[in-house]
Amino acid sequence: MNTIGNLWIYILSLLKKRQVYGYELQKVIFKNFGFTPGKITSYRVLYRLEKDGFVKSKTIKMKRVYGITKKGEKELREAKGFYKNLIKIIK
């Protein structure tokens, strides 16, 4: 529940490190976090992040690549802060 429900956090975290092609997203998530989200789920989250301004895409050699925006970086920092506080509360 915490992985798929918060897939956006994993995606933003990856995009903070480097740009990612949409088609490689599942593989990169598995490599970095140890789970494989559904392909359609990944794309839906990615498109939503772009629509909300957290992610920006561009086409390079006929392939769409995604990167994090400043707004996305801010949202990721806030999410990390939320989880750090949550861990303190439940300890």
PDB file of N, CA and C in Angstrom:
ATOM      1  N   MET A   1       0.823  -1.194   0.000  1.00  0.00           N
ATOM      2  CA  MET A   1       0.000   0.000   0.000  1.00  0.00           C
ATOM      3  C   MET A   1       0.871   1.264   0.000  1.00  0.00           C
ATOM      4  N   ASN A   2       1.919   1.246   0.775  1.00  0.00           N
ATOM      5  CA  ASN A   2       2.759   2.433   0.877  1.00  0.00           C
ATOM      6  C   ASN A   2       3.616   2.639  -0.375  1.00  0.00           C
ATOM      7  N   THR A   3       3.844   1.570  -1.133  1.00  0.00           N
ATOM      8  CA  THR A   3       4.651   1.745  -2.338  1.00  0.00           C
ATOM      9  C   THR A   3       3.818   2.286  -3.490  1.00  0.00           C
ATOM     10  N   ILE A   4       2.746   1.607  -3.848  1.00  0.00           N
ATOM     11  CA  ILE A   4       1.927   2.045  -4.970  1.00  0.00           C
ATOM     12  C   ILE A   4       1.178   3.336  -4.642  1.00  0.00           C
ATOM     13  N   GLY A   5       0.680   3.446  -3.416  1.00  0.00           N
ATOM     14  CA  GLY A   5      -0.055   4.646  -3.017  1.00  0.00           C
ATOM     15  C   GLY A   5       0.793   5.899  -3.033  1.00  0.00           C
ATOM     16  N   ASN A   6       2.077   5.736  -2.886  1.00  0.00           N
ATOM     17  CA  ASN A   6       2.991   6.875  -2.875  1.00  0.00           C
ATOM     18  C   ASN A   6       4.013   6.792  -4.002  1.00  0.00           C
ATOM     19  N   LEU A   7       3.600   6.211  -5.102  1.00  0.00           N
ATOM     20  CA  LEU A   7       4.495   6.040  -6.247  1.00  0.00           C
ATOM     21  C   LEU A   7       5.091   7.368  -6.698  1.00  0.00           C
ATOM     22  N   TRP A   8       4.336   8.429  -6.552  1.00  0.00           N
ATOM     23  CA  TRP A   8       4.819   9.752  -6.968  1.00  0.00           C
ATOM     24  C   TRP A   8       6.098  10.144  -6.236  1.00  0.00           C
ATOM     25  N   ILE A   9       6.222   9.739  -4.968  1.00  0.00           N
ATOM     26  CA  ILE A   9       7.431  10.071  -4.200  1.00  0.00           C
ATOM     27  C   ILE A   9       8.637   9.332  -4.776  1.00  0.00           C
ATOM     28  N   TYR A  10       8.448   8.062  -5.111  1.00  0.00           N
ATOM     29  CA  TYR A  10       9.527   7.275  -5.700  1.00  0.00           C
ATOM     30  C   TYR A  10       9.951   7.860  -7.050  1.00  0.00           C
ATOM     31  N   ILE A  11       8.976   8.246  -7.849  1.00  0.00           N
ATOM     32  CA  ILE A  11       9.282   8.807  -9.165  1.00  0.00           C
ATOM     33  C   ILE A  11      10.025  10.131  -9.036  1.00  0.00           C
ATOM     34  N   LEU A  12       9.563  11.010  -8.171  1.00  0.00           N
ATOM     35  CA  LEU A  12      10.260  12.285  -7.979  1.00  0.00           C
ATOM     36  C   LEU A  12      11.675  12.073  -7.455  1.00  0.00           C
ATOM     37  N   SER A  13      11.827  11.108  -6.565  1.00  0.00           N
ATOM     38  CA  SER A  13      13.144  10.795  -6.020  1.00  0.00           C
ATOM     39  C   SER A  13      14.103  10.336  -7.122  1.00  0.00           C
ATOM     40  N   LEU A  14      13.623   9.499  -8.017  1.00  0.00           N
ATOM     41  CA  LEU A  14      14.449   9.050  -9.148  1.00  0.00           C
ATOM     42  C   LEU A  14      14.792  10.209 -10.072  1.00  0.00           C
ATOM     43  N   LEU A  15      13.799  11.033 -10.366  1.00  0.00           N
ATOM     44  CA  LEU A  15      14.011  12.134 -11.294  1.00  0.00           C
ATOM     45  C   LEU A  15      14.928  13.199 -10.719  1.00  0.00           C
ATOM     46  N   LYS A  16      15.043  13.246  -9.423  1.00  0.00           N
ATOM     47  CA  LYS A  16      15.980  14.187  -8.806  1.00  0.00           C
ATOM     48  C   LYS A  16      17.424  13.774  -9.113  1.00  0.00           C
ATOM     49  N   LYS A  17      17.631  12.473  -9.270  1.00  0.00           N
ATOM     50  CA  LYS A  17      18.975  11.959  -9.559  1.00  0.00           C
ATOM     51  C   LYS A  17      19.329  12.066 -11.035  1.00  0.00           C
ATOM     52  N   ARG A  18      18.329  11.808 -11.901  1.00  0.00           N
ATOM     53  CA  ARG A  18      18.590  11.872 -13.342  1.00  0.00           C
ATOM     54  C   ARG A  18      17.274  11.866 -14.108  1.00  0.00           C
ATOM     55  N   GLN A  19      17.340  12.262 -15.362  1.00  0.00           N
ATOM     56  CA  GLN A  19      16.162  12.188 -16.217  1.00  0.00           C
ATOM     57  C   GLN A  19      15.896  10.723 -16.554  1.00  0.00           C
ATOM     58  N   VAL A  20      14.616  10.384 -16.765  1.00  0.00           N
ATOM     59  CA  VAL A  20      14.225   9.007 -17.037  1.00  0.00           C
ATOM     60  C   VAL A  20      13.255   8.986 -18.209  1.00  0.00           C
ATOM     61  N   TYR A  21      13.441   8.009 -19.088  1.00  0.00           N
ATOM     62  CA  TYR A  21      12.477   7.764 -20.155  1.00  0.00           C
ATOM     63  C   TYR A  21      11.294   7.017 -19.556  1.00  0.00           C
ATOM     64  N   GLY A  22      10.099   7.307 -20.025  1.00  0.00           N
ATOM     65  CA  GLY A  22       8.900   6.668 -19.500  1.00  0.00           C
ATOM     66  C   GLY A  22       8.947   5.160 -19.575  1.00  0.00           C
ATOM     67  N   TYR A  23       9.463   4.633 -20.701  1.00  0.00           N
ATOM     68  CA  TYR A  23       9.478   3.189 -20.892  1.00  0.00           C
ATOM     69  C   TYR A  23      10.430   2.470 -19.940  1.00  0.00           C
ATOM     70  N   GLU A  24      11.407   3.167 -19.376  1.00  0.00           N
ATOM     71  CA  GLU A  24      12.358   2.524 -18.467  1.00  0.00           C
ATOM     72  C   GLU A  24      11.975   2.684 -16.993  1.00  0.00           C
ATOM     73  N   LEU A  25      10.882   3.364 -16.733  1.00  0.00           N
ATOM     74  CA  LEU A  25      10.503   3.706 -15.362  1.00  0.00           C
ATOM     75  C   LEU A  25      10.329   2.476 -14.469  1.00  0.00           C
ATOM     76  N   GLN A  26       9.615   1.465 -14.947  1.00  0.00           N
ATOM     77  CA  GLN A  26       9.395   0.260 -14.137  1.00  0.00           C
ATOM     78  C   GLN A  26      10.716  -0.381 -13.742  1.00  0.00           C
ATOM     79  N   LYS A  27      11.616  -0.520 -14.694  1.00  0.00           N
ATOM     80  CA  LYS A  27      12.910  -1.161 -14.445  1.00  0.00           C
ATOM     81  C   LYS A  27      13.736  -0.361 -13.429  1.00  0.00           C
ATOM     82  N   VAL A  28      13.734   0.949 -13.569  1.00  0.00           N
ATOM     83  CA  VAL A  28      14.514   1.800 -12.671  1.00  0.00           C
ATOM     84  C   VAL A  28      13.924   1.779 -11.257  1.00  0.00           C
ATOM     85  N   ILE A  29      12.608   1.743 -11.148  1.00  0.00           N
ATOM     86  CA  ILE A  29      11.972   1.655  -9.828  1.00  0.00           C
ATOM     87  C   ILE A  29      12.333   0.332  -9.167  1.00  0.00           C
ATOM     88  N   PHE A  30      12.277  -0.751  -9.925  1.00  0.00           N
ATOM     89  CA  PHE A  30      12.634  -2.055  -9.355  1.00  0.00           C
ATOM     90  C   PHE A  30      14.100  -2.066  -8.898  1.00  0.00           C
ATOM     91  N   LYS A  31      14.973  -1.559  -9.737  1.00  0.00           N
ATOM     92  CA  LYS A  31      16.413  -1.542  -9.415  1.00  0.00           C
ATOM     93  C   LYS A  31      16.704  -0.729  -8.152  1.00  0.00           C
ATOM     94  N   ASN A  32      16.019   0.393  -7.998  1.00  0.00           N
ATOM     95  CA  ASN A  32      16.297   1.293  -6.873  1.00  0.00           C
ATOM     96  C   ASN A  32      15.489   0.995  -5.614  1.00  0.00           C
ATOM     97  N   PHE A  33      14.270   0.469  -5.775  1.00  0.00           N
ATOM     98  CA  PHE A  33      13.382   0.338  -4.623  1.00  0.00           C
ATOM     99  C   PHE A  33      12.853  -1.075  -4.377  1.00  0.00           C
ATOM    100  N   GLY A  34      13.083  -2.002  -5.323  1.00  0.00           N
ATOM    101  CA  GLY A  34      12.737  -3.395  -5.096  1.00  0.00           C
ATOM    102  C   GLY A  34      11.287  -3.779  -5.326  1.00  0.00           C
ATOM    103  N   PHE A  35      10.532  -2.986  -6.050  1.00  0.00           N
ATOM    104  CA  PHE A  35       9.173  -3.373  -6.417  1.00  0.00           C
ATOM    105  C   PHE A  35       8.893  -2.894  -7.832  1.00  0.00           C
ATOM    106  N   THR A  36       7.924  -3.523  -8.471  1.00  0.00           N
ATOM    107  CA  THR A  36       7.586  -3.184  -9.847  1.00  0.00           C
ATOM    108  C   THR A  36       6.143  -2.707  -9.925  1.00  0.00           C
ATOM    109  N   PRO A  37       5.945  -1.432 -10.154  1.00  0.00           N
ATOM    110  CA  PRO A  37       4.575  -0.941 -10.327  1.00  0.00           C
ATOM    111  C   PRO A  37       4.057  -1.331 -11.711  1.00  0.00           C
ATOM    112  N   GLY A  38       2.771  -1.321 -11.876  1.00  0.00           N
ATOM    113  CA  GLY A  38       2.190  -1.589 -13.186  1.00  0.00           C
ATOM    114  C   GLY A  38       2.593  -0.520 -14.173  1.00  0.00           C
ATOM    115  N   LYS A  39       2.753  -0.909 -15.432  1.00  0.00           N
ATOM    116  CA  LYS A  39       3.184   0.035 -16.462  1.00  0.00           C
ATOM    117  C   LYS A  39       2.185   1.183 -16.611  1.00  0.00           C
ATOM    118  N   ILE A  40       0.900   0.847 -16.663  1.00  0.00           N
ATOM    119  CA  ILE A  40      -0.110   1.896 -16.818  1.00  0.00           C
ATOM    120  C   ILE A  40      -0.152   2.783 -15.579  1.00  0.00           C
ATOM    121  N   THR A  41      -0.020   2.187 -14.399  1.00  0.00           N
ATOM    122  CA  THR A  41      -0.001   2.968 -13.158  1.00  0.00           C
ATOM    123  C   THR A  41       1.154   3.961 -13.176  1.00  0.00           C
ATOM    124  N   SER A  42       2.313   3.503 -13.581  1.00  0.00           N
ATOM    125  CA  SER A  42       3.494   4.374 -13.638  1.00  0.00           C
ATOM    126  C   SER A  42       3.262   5.563 -14.565  1.00  0.00           C
ATOM    127  N   TYR A  43       2.730   5.278 -15.751  1.00  0.00           N
ATOM    128  CA  TYR A  43       2.468   6.351 -16.700  1.00  0.00           C
ATOM    129  C   TYR A  43       1.397   7.305 -16.186  1.00  0.00           C
ATOM    130  N   ARG A  44       0.362   6.776 -15.561  1.00  0.00           N
ATOM    131  CA  ARG A  44      -0.697   7.656 -15.031  1.00  0.00           C
ATOM    132  C   ARG A  44      -0.130   8.616 -13.994  1.00  0.00           C
ATOM    133  N   VAL A  45       0.716   8.087 -13.094  1.00  0.00           N
ATOM    134  CA  VAL A  45       1.328   8.937 -12.064  1.00  0.00           C
ATOM    135  C   VAL A  45       2.262   9.957 -12.711  1.00  0.00           C
ATOM    136  N   LEU A  46       3.046   9.517 -13.660  1.00  0.00           N
ATOM    137  CA  LEU A  46       3.973  10.406 -14.354  1.00  0.00           C
ATOM    138  C   LEU A  46       3.229  11.533 -15.071  1.00  0.00           C
ATOM    139  N   TYR A  47       2.162  11.210 -15.768  1.00  0.00           N
ATOM    140  CA  TYR A  47       1.374  12.230 -16.465  1.00  0.00           C
ATOM    141  C   TYR A  47       0.732  13.195 -15.474  1.00  0.00           C
ATOM    142  N   ARG A  48       0.270  12.670 -14.356  1.00  0.00           N
ATOM    143  CA  ARG A  48      -0.340  13.534 -13.331  1.00  0.00           C
ATOM    144  C   ARG A  48       0.707  14.492 -12.743  1.00  0.00           C
ATOM    145  N   LEU A  49       1.903  13.966 -12.492  1.00  0.00           N
ATOM    146  CA  LEU A  49       2.977  14.814 -11.979  1.00  0.00           C
ATOM    147  C   LEU A  49       3.305  15.928 -12.974  1.00  0.00           C
ATOM    148  N   GLU A  50       3.283  15.592 -14.235  1.00  0.00           N
ATOM    149  CA  GLU A  50       3.559  16.615 -15.250  1.00  0.00           C
ATOM    150  C   GLU A  50       2.424  17.635 -15.308  1.00  0.00           C
ATOM    151  N   LYS A  51       1.198  17.162 -15.270  1.00  0.00           N
ATOM    152  CA  LYS A  51       0.047  18.064 -15.297  1.00  0.00           C
ATOM    153  C   LYS A  51       0.070  19.037 -14.121  1.00  0.00           C
ATOM    154  N   ASP A  52       0.513  18.555 -12.947  1.00  0.00           N
ATOM    155  CA  ASP A  52       0.562  19.388 -11.750  1.00  0.00           C
ATOM    156  C   ASP A  52       1.824  20.245 -11.656  1.00  0.00           C
ATOM    157  N   GLY A  53       2.731  20.104 -12.620  1.00  0.00           N
ATOM    158  CA  GLY A  53       3.919  20.954 -12.653  1.00  0.00           C
ATOM    159  C   GLY A  53       5.102  20.441 -11.857  1.00  0.00           C
ATOM    160  N   PHE A  54       5.062  19.201 -11.399  1.00  0.00           N
ATOM    161  CA  PHE A  54       6.168  18.633 -10.619  1.00  0.00           C
ATOM    162  C   PHE A  54       7.224  17.997 -11.517  1.00  0.00           C
ATOM    163  N   VAL A  55       6.821  17.684 -12.739  1.00  0.00           N
ATOM    164  CA  VAL A  55       7.680  17.012 -13.708  1.00  0.00           C
ATOM    165  C   VAL A  55       7.520  17.720 -15.049  1.00  0.00           C
ATOM    166  N   LYS A  56       8.599  17.735 -15.815  1.00  0.00           N
ATOM    167  CA  LYS A  56       8.550  18.321 -17.147  1.00  0.00           C
ATOM    168  C   LYS A  56       9.157  17.314 -18.123  1.00  0.00           C
ATOM    169  N   SER A  57       8.552  17.199 -19.285  1.00  0.00           N
ATOM    170  CA  SER A  57       9.077  16.265 -20.278  1.00  0.00           C
ATOM    171  C   SER A  57       9.559  17.008 -21.510  1.00  0.00           C
ATOM    172  N   LYS A  58      10.430  16.328 -22.243  1.00  0.00           N
ATOM    173  CA  LYS A  58      10.883  16.849 -23.528  1.00  0.00           C
ATOM    174  C   LYS A  58      11.213  15.645 -24.410  1.00  0.00           C
ATOM    175  N   THR A  59      11.238  15.885 -25.696  1.00  0.00           N
ATOM    176  CA  THR A  59      11.527  14.817 -26.646  1.00  0.00           C
ATOM    177  C   THR A  59      12.972  14.922 -27.095  1.00  0.00           C
ATOM    178  N   ILE A  60      13.683  13.798 -26.957  1.00  0.00           N
ATOM    179  CA  ILE A  60      15.068  13.706 -27.397  1.00  0.00           C
ATOM    180  C   ILE A  60      15.165  12.508 -28.333  1.00  0.00           C
ATOM    181  N   LYS A  61      15.521  12.762 -29.574  1.00  0.00           N
ATOM    182  CA  LYS A  61      15.646  11.701 -30.583  1.00  0.00           C
ATOM    183  C   LYS A  61      14.408  10.803 -30.618  1.00  0.00           C
ATOM    184  N   MET A  62      13.263  11.412 -30.706  1.00  0.00           N
ATOM    185  CA  MET A  62      11.979  10.704 -30.828  1.00  0.00           C
ATOM    186  C   MET A  62      11.551   9.963 -29.558  1.00  0.00           C
ATOM    187  N   LYS A  63      12.209  10.216 -28.426  1.00  0.00           N
ATOM    188  CA  LYS A  63      11.840   9.573 -27.163  1.00  0.00           C
ATOM    189  C   LYS A  63      11.550  10.650 -26.127  1.00  0.00           C
ATOM    190  N   ARG A  64      10.535  10.407 -25.305  1.00  0.00           N
ATOM    191  CA  ARG A  64      10.129  11.367 -24.276  1.00  0.00           C
ATOM    192  C   ARG A  64      10.894  11.074 -22.981  1.00  0.00           C
ATOM    193  N   VAL A  65      11.558  12.101 -22.488  1.00  0.00           N
ATOM    194  CA  VAL A  65      12.336  11.977 -21.257  1.00  0.00           C
ATOM    195  C   VAL A  65      11.746  12.928 -20.228  1.00  0.00           C
ATOM    196  N   TYR A  66      11.745  12.507 -18.970  1.00  0.00           N
ATOM    197  CA  TYR A  66      11.130  13.269 -17.888  1.00  0.00           C
ATOM    198  C   TYR A  66      12.180  13.714 -16.884  1.00  0.00           C
ATOM    199  N   GLY A  67      11.990  14.913 -16.354  1.00  0.00           N
ATOM    200  CA  GLY A  67      12.854  15.454 -15.317  1.00  0.00           C
ATOM    201  C   GLY A  67      12.026  16.188 -14.281  1.00  0.00           C
ATOM    202  N   ILE A  68      12.601  16.366 -13.114  1.00  0.00           N
ATOM    203  CA  ILE A  68      11.897  17.035 -12.017  1.00  0.00           C
ATOM    204  C   ILE A  68      12.014  18.552 -12.182  1.00  0.00           C
ATOM    205  N   THR A  69      10.994  19.263 -11.755  1.00  0.00           N
ATOM    206  CA  THR A  69      11.006  20.731 -11.775  1.00  0.00           C
ATOM    207  C   THR A  69      11.338  21.246 -10.371  1.00  0.00           C
ATOM    208  N   LYS A  70      11.524  22.536 -10.257  1.00  0.00           N
ATOM    209  CA  LYS A  70      11.748  23.148  -8.931  1.00  0.00           C
ATOM    210  C   LYS A  70      10.547  22.882  -8.024  1.00  0.00           C
ATOM    211  N   LYS A  71       9.355  22.981  -8.588  1.00  0.00           N
ATOM    212  CA  LYS A  71       8.137  22.699  -7.819  1.00  0.00           C
ATOM    213  C   LYS A  71       8.143  21.242  -7.351  1.00  0.00           C
ATOM    214  N   GLY A  72       8.595  20.338  -8.196  1.00  0.00           N
ATOM    215  CA  GLY A  72       8.687  18.927  -7.825  1.00  0.00           C
ATOM    216  C   GLY A  72       9.713  18.690  -6.731  1.00  0.00           C
ATOM    217  N   GLU A  73      10.834  19.388  -6.810  1.00  0.00           N
ATOM    218  CA  GLU A  73      11.863  19.271  -5.763  1.00  0.00           C
ATOM    219  C   GLU A  73      11.321  19.742  -4.416  1.00  0.00           C
ATOM    220  N   LYS A  74      10.564  20.830  -4.443  1.00  0.00           N
ATOM    221  CA  LYS A  74       9.961  21.346  -3.210  1.00  0.00           C
ATOM    222  C   LYS A  74       8.962  20.334  -2.638  1.00  0.00           C
ATOM    223  N   GLU A  75       8.150  19.763  -3.500  1.00  0.00           N
ATOM    224  CA  GLU A  75       7.156  18.775  -3.060  1.00  0.00           C
ATOM    225  C   GLU A  75       7.839  17.543  -2.476  1.00  0.00           C
ATOM    226  N   LEU A  76       8.940  17.118  -3.074  1.00  0.00           N
ATOM    227  CA  LEU A  76       9.691  15.967  -2.572  1.00  0.00           C
ATOM    228  C   LEU A  76      10.285  16.275  -1.196  1.00  0.00           C
ATOM    229  N   ARG A  77      10.827  17.461  -1.012  1.00  0.00           N
ATOM    230  CA  ARG A  77      11.362  17.853   0.315  1.00  0.00           C
ATOM    231  C   ARG A  77      10.265  17.823   1.374  1.00  0.00           C
ATOM    232  N   GLU A  78       9.092  18.340   1.013  1.00  0.00           N
ATOM    233  CA  GLU A  78       7.975  18.343   1.958  1.00  0.00           C
ATOM    234  C   GLU A  78       7.524  16.928   2.298  1.00  0.00           C
ATOM    235  N   ALA A  79       7.513  16.046   1.321  1.00  0.00           N
ATOM    236  CA  ALA A  79       7.130  14.648   1.570  1.00  0.00           C
ATOM    237  C   ALA A  79       8.142  13.967   2.489  1.00  0.00           C
ATOM    238  N   LYS A  80       9.425  14.217   2.271  1.00  0.00           N
ATOM    239  CA  LYS A  80      10.459  13.642   3.132  1.00  0.00           C
ATOM    240  C   LYS A  80      10.293  14.158   4.563  1.00  0.00           C
ATOM    241  N   GLY A  81      10.010  15.450   4.709  1.00  0.00           N
ATOM    242  CA  GLY A  81       9.789  16.023   6.037  1.00  0.00           C
ATOM    243  C   GLY A  81       8.594  15.391   6.726  1.00  0.00           C
ATOM    244  N   PHE A  82       7.527  15.169   5.974  1.00  0.00           N
ATOM    245  CA  PHE A  82       6.329  14.529   6.527  1.00  0.00           C
ATOM    246  C   PHE A  82       6.662  13.143   7.060  1.00  0.00           C
ATOM    247  N   TYR A  83       7.385  12.360   6.268  1.00  0.00           N
ATOM    248  CA  TYR A  83       7.708  10.999   6.709  1.00  0.00           C
ATOM    249  C   TYR A  83       8.695  10.990   7.874  1.00  0.00           C
ATOM    250  N   LYS A  84       9.617  11.920   7.900  1.00  0.00           N
ATOM    251  CA  LYS A  84      10.536  12.004   9.048  1.00  0.00           C
ATOM    252  C   LYS A  84       9.753  12.296  10.322  1.00  0.00           C
ATOM    253  N   ASN A  85       8.813  13.229  10.260  1.00  0.00           N
ATOM    254  CA  ASN A  85       7.981  13.543  11.427  1.00  0.00           C
ATOM    255  C   ASN A  85       7.111  12.371  11.809  1.00  0.00           C
ATOM    256  N   LEU A  86       6.573  11.661  10.840  1.00  0.00           N
ATOM    257  CA  LEU A  86       5.738  10.497  11.117  1.00  0.00           C
ATOM    258  C   LEU A  86       6.528   9.418  11.841  1.00  0.00           C
ATOM    259  N   ILE A  87       7.749   9.196  11.425  1.00  0.00           N
ATOM    260  CA  ILE A  87       8.598   8.200  12.082  1.00  0.00           C
ATOM    261  C   ILE A  87       8.860   8.597  13.526  1.00  0.00           C
ATOM    262  N   LYS A  88       9.098   9.867  13.779  1.00  0.00           N
ATOM    263  CA  LYS A  88       9.305  10.338  15.162  1.00  0.00           C
ATOM    264  C   LYS A  88       8.066  10.075  16.017  1.00  0.00           C
ATOM    265  N   ILE A  89       6.903  10.307  15.441  1.00  0.00           N
ATOM    266  CA  ILE A  89       5.655  10.140  16.189  1.00  0.00           C
ATOM    267  C   ILE A  89       5.403   8.681  16.517  1.00  0.00           C
ATOM    268  N   ILE A  90       5.671   7.771  15.602  1.00  0.00           N
ATOM    269  CA  ILE A  90       5.312   6.354  15.828  1.00  0.00           C
ATOM    270  C   ILE A  90       6.414   5.557  16.510  1.00  0.00           C
ATOM    271  N   LYS A  91       7.542   6.144  16.798  1.00  0.00           N
ATOM    272  CA  LYS A  91       8.638   5.421  17.484  1.00  0.00           C
ATOM    273  C   LYS A  91       8.266   5.070  18.884  1.00  0.00           C
TER     274      LYS A  91
END
